[in-house]
Protein backbone atom coordinates (compact mmCIF):
# COMPACT_ATOMS: atom_id res chain seq x y z
CA MET A 1 -19.29 8.86 9.46
CA TYR A 2 -17.16 5.53 10.15
CA LYS A 3 -17.83 4.94 6.33
CA SER A 4 -15.99 8.35 5.92
CA ARG A 5 -13.03 7.23 7.77
CA HIS A 6 -12.97 4.17 6.35
CA LEU A 7 -12.56 5.16 2.96
CA ILE A 8 -10.18 7.87 3.63
CA LEU A 9 -7.96 5.26 5.72
CA SER A 10 -8.21 3.07 1.99
CA ILE A 11 -6.73 6.37 0.81
CA ILE A 12 -3.91 6.59 2.57
CA SER A 13 -3.11 2.70 1.94
CA ALA A 14 -3.50 3.04 -1.33
CA LEU A 15 -0.83 5.30 -1.58
CA LEU A 16 1.23 3.69 1.25
CA MET A 17 1.64 0.89 -1.47
CA LEU A 18 5.06 0.92 -0.34
CA ALA A 19 4.61 -2.65 1.89
CA LEU A 20 3.45 -4.41 -0.10
CA PRO A 21 6.64 -5.56 -0.80
CA LEU A 22 7.16 -6.85 3.23
CA ALA A 23 3.49 -8.04 3.87
CA SER A 24 4.30 -10.73 1.41
CA GLN A 25 7.96 -11.45 2.84
CA SER A 26 6.41 -12.05 6.85
CA ALA A 27 3.43 -13.50 5.91
CA ASP A 28 5.59 -16.86 6.55
CA LYS A 29 5.67 -15.32 10.12
CA GLY A 30 2.23 -16.48 11.93
CA ALA A 31 0.37 -16.22 9.01
CA ASN A 32 -2.18 -18.62 11.08
CA ASP A 33 -1.81 -17.17 13.58
CA TYR A 34 -4.75 -14.27 14.79
CA ASN A 35 -4.32 -12.63 17.48
CA PRO A 36 -7.57 -9.90 18.80
CA SER A 37 -6.41 -8.33 20.59
CA TYR A 38 -3.44 -6.85 17.48
CA SER A 39 -6.96 -6.97 16.04
CA ILE A 40 -8.10 -4.52 18.21
CA GLU A 41 -5.46 -2.45 18.87
CA HIS A 42 -4.64 -2.16 15.20
CA GLY A 43 -8.45 -1.31 14.31
CA ARG A 44 -7.84 1.16 17.45
CA ASN A 45 -5.30 3.14 15.69
CA ARG A 46 -6.03 2.85 12.30
CA LEU A 47 -9.46 4.48 13.72
CA ALA A 48 -7.75 7.73 15.69
CA MET A 49 -5.52 7.71 12.09
CA THR A 50 -8.12 8.50 9.79
CA GLU A 51 -10.04 10.24 12.73
CA ARG A 52 -7.36 13.43 12.77
CA PHE A 53 -7.31 12.82 8.27
CA SER A 54 -11.15 13.72 8.11
CA ASP A 55 -11.16 16.71 11.67
CA GLY A 56 -7.78 17.43 9.33
CA LEU A 57 -9.59 17.75 5.77
CA ASP A 58 -12.98 20.12 7.29
CA LEU A 59 -15.13 18.01 5.35
CA SER A 60 -19.13 19.41 5.23
CA GLU A 61 -21.61 16.98 5.25
CA ASP A 62 -21.70 16.91 2.16
CA GLN A 63 -18.65 15.61 1.53
CA ARG A 64 -18.85 13.17 4.44
CA LYS A 65 -21.80 11.78 2.88
CA ALA A 66 -20.86 11.60 -0.98
CA LEU A 67 -17.78 9.96 0.78
CA ASP A 68 -19.39 7.69 2.84
CA ASP A 69 -21.26 6.94 -1.00
CA ILE A 70 -17.79 6.09 -1.79
CA ALA A 71 -16.92 4.04 0.22
CA ASP A 72 -20.27 2.03 -0.49
CA LYS A 73 -19.14 1.98 -3.53
CA TYR A 74 -15.98 -0.07 -3.91
CA HIS A 75 -15.86 -1.78 -0.12
CA SER A 76 -16.62 -5.17 -0.75
CA ASP A 77 -13.89 -4.72 -3.98
CA LEU A 78 -11.50 -3.74 -1.27
CA SER A 79 -11.81 -5.96 0.90
CA ASP A 80 -12.23 -9.41 -1.58
CA LEU A 81 -9.04 -8.12 -3.05
CA GLN A 82 -7.40 -7.58 0.59
CA GLN A 83 -8.45 -10.99 1.65
CA LEU A 84 -6.77 -12.24 -2.03
CA MET A 85 -3.84 -10.63 -1.23
CA ALA A 86 -3.16 -12.04 2.32
CA ASP A 87 -4.52 -15.81 1.05
CA ASN A 88 -2.03 -15.43 -1.99
CA SER A 89 0.42 -14.31 0.55
CA ARG A 90 0.57 -17.13 3.04
CA MET A 91 0.68 -19.95 -0.13
CA LEU A 92 4.18 -18.29 -1.10
CA ALA A 93 5.30 -17.66 2.23
CA LYS A 94 4.61 -21.97 2.41
CA MET A 95 5.95 -22.94 -1.04
CA GLN A 96 10.06 -23.82 -2.79
CA ALA A 97 11.43 -22.86 -5.67
CA ASP A 98 10.95 -26.25 -7.06
CA ASP A 99 6.97 -25.88 -6.62
CA PRO A 100 4.98 -26.34 -9.37
CA LYS A 101 2.52 -23.45 -8.23
CA LEU A 102 4.36 -21.01 -7.88
CA ARG A 103 4.51 -19.78 -11.08
CA GLU A 104 0.77 -19.79 -11.08
CA THR A 105 -0.04 -17.99 -7.13
CA ALA A 106 2.91 -15.56 -7.63
CA GLU A 107 1.35 -14.25 -11.05
CA ALA A 108 -1.80 -14.53 -9.59
CA GLN A 109 -0.93 -12.12 -7.02
CA GLY A 110 0.68 -9.64 -9.02
CA LYS A 111 -2.94 -10.00 -10.80
CA THR A 112 -4.39 -9.00 -6.82
CA ILE A 113 -1.82 -6.40 -6.45
CA ALA A 114 -2.87 -4.34 -9.35
CA ASP A 115 -6.60 -5.19 -9.77
CA LEU A 116 -5.61 -3.75 -6.02
CA ILE A 117 -4.36 -0.39 -7.51
CA ILE A 118 -6.62 -0.39 -9.81
CA VAL A 119 -9.19 0.32 -7.16
CA HIS A 120 -7.56 2.48 -5.49
CA LYS A 121 -6.88 4.06 -8.64
CA LYS A 122 -10.52 4.69 -9.07
CA ILE A 123 -11.39 5.68 -5.27
CA HIS A 124 -8.40 8.50 -5.50
CA ALA A 125 -10.73 10.06 -8.67
CA ALA A 126 -13.92 9.68 -6.62
CA VAL A 127 -12.17 10.88 -3.61
CA ASP A 128 -10.41 14.13 -5.84
CA LYS A 129 -14.11 15.61 -7.35
CA VAL A 130 -15.46 15.86 -3.63
CA LEU A 131 -12.37 17.56 -2.54
CA THR A 132 -11.88 20.68 -2.25
CA ALA A 133 -8.68 21.88 -4.21
CA ALA A 134 -7.48 22.90 -0.42
CA GLN A 135 -8.11 19.24 0.58
CA ARG A 136 -6.92 17.94 -2.17
CA GLU A 137 -3.71 19.18 -1.23
CA LYS A 138 -3.11 19.29 2.55
CA LEU A 139 -4.80 15.23 2.39
CA ASP A 140 -1.85 14.76 -0.18
CA ARG A 141 0.85 16.98 2.20
CA LEU A 142 0.14 14.39 4.92
CA THR A 143 -0.22 11.51 2.81
CA SER A 144 3.62 12.55 2.21
CA HIS A 145 3.96 13.19 5.63
CA LEU A 146 2.77 10.04 6.68
CA ARG A 147 4.87 8.00 4.24
CA HIS A 148 8.37 9.54 5.24
CA ARG A 149 7.10 8.72 8.58
CA MET A 150 6.31 5.26 7.79
CA ALA A 151 9.86 5.23 5.42
CA GLY A 152 11.80 5.64 8.61
CA GLY A 153 12.65 9.32 7.79
């Protein structure tokens, strides 16, 4: 059940790729600060949101199992790429325009983002095969609404 929620959250975050530039801009503020209370609260909010999405899609047990399998398949790739993106963002935030490693690090970040997009597209394709047309339509409406809210609408 948790994996299904995690996968739906991954789908939502893939649809919200607009946030990537913001993530790298804010990396220099507290990049090395770990705030466990923020992490715990953020995790609770994410879990609650994905639970609403899962429940709202009325997934069958077979669909939940299929989504769990998809989550198992892509979990490691997503985690590794997200960590690499965060690491690159922290390095880029500390660099000056004349840093000899700037281009290399920026290109590495670009490749990481491209790889992340590709993994998200693979997840979307796999999930599309699991969901019914009505569930896909509902997921599209929910994520569109969420994107609109995230954009300040």
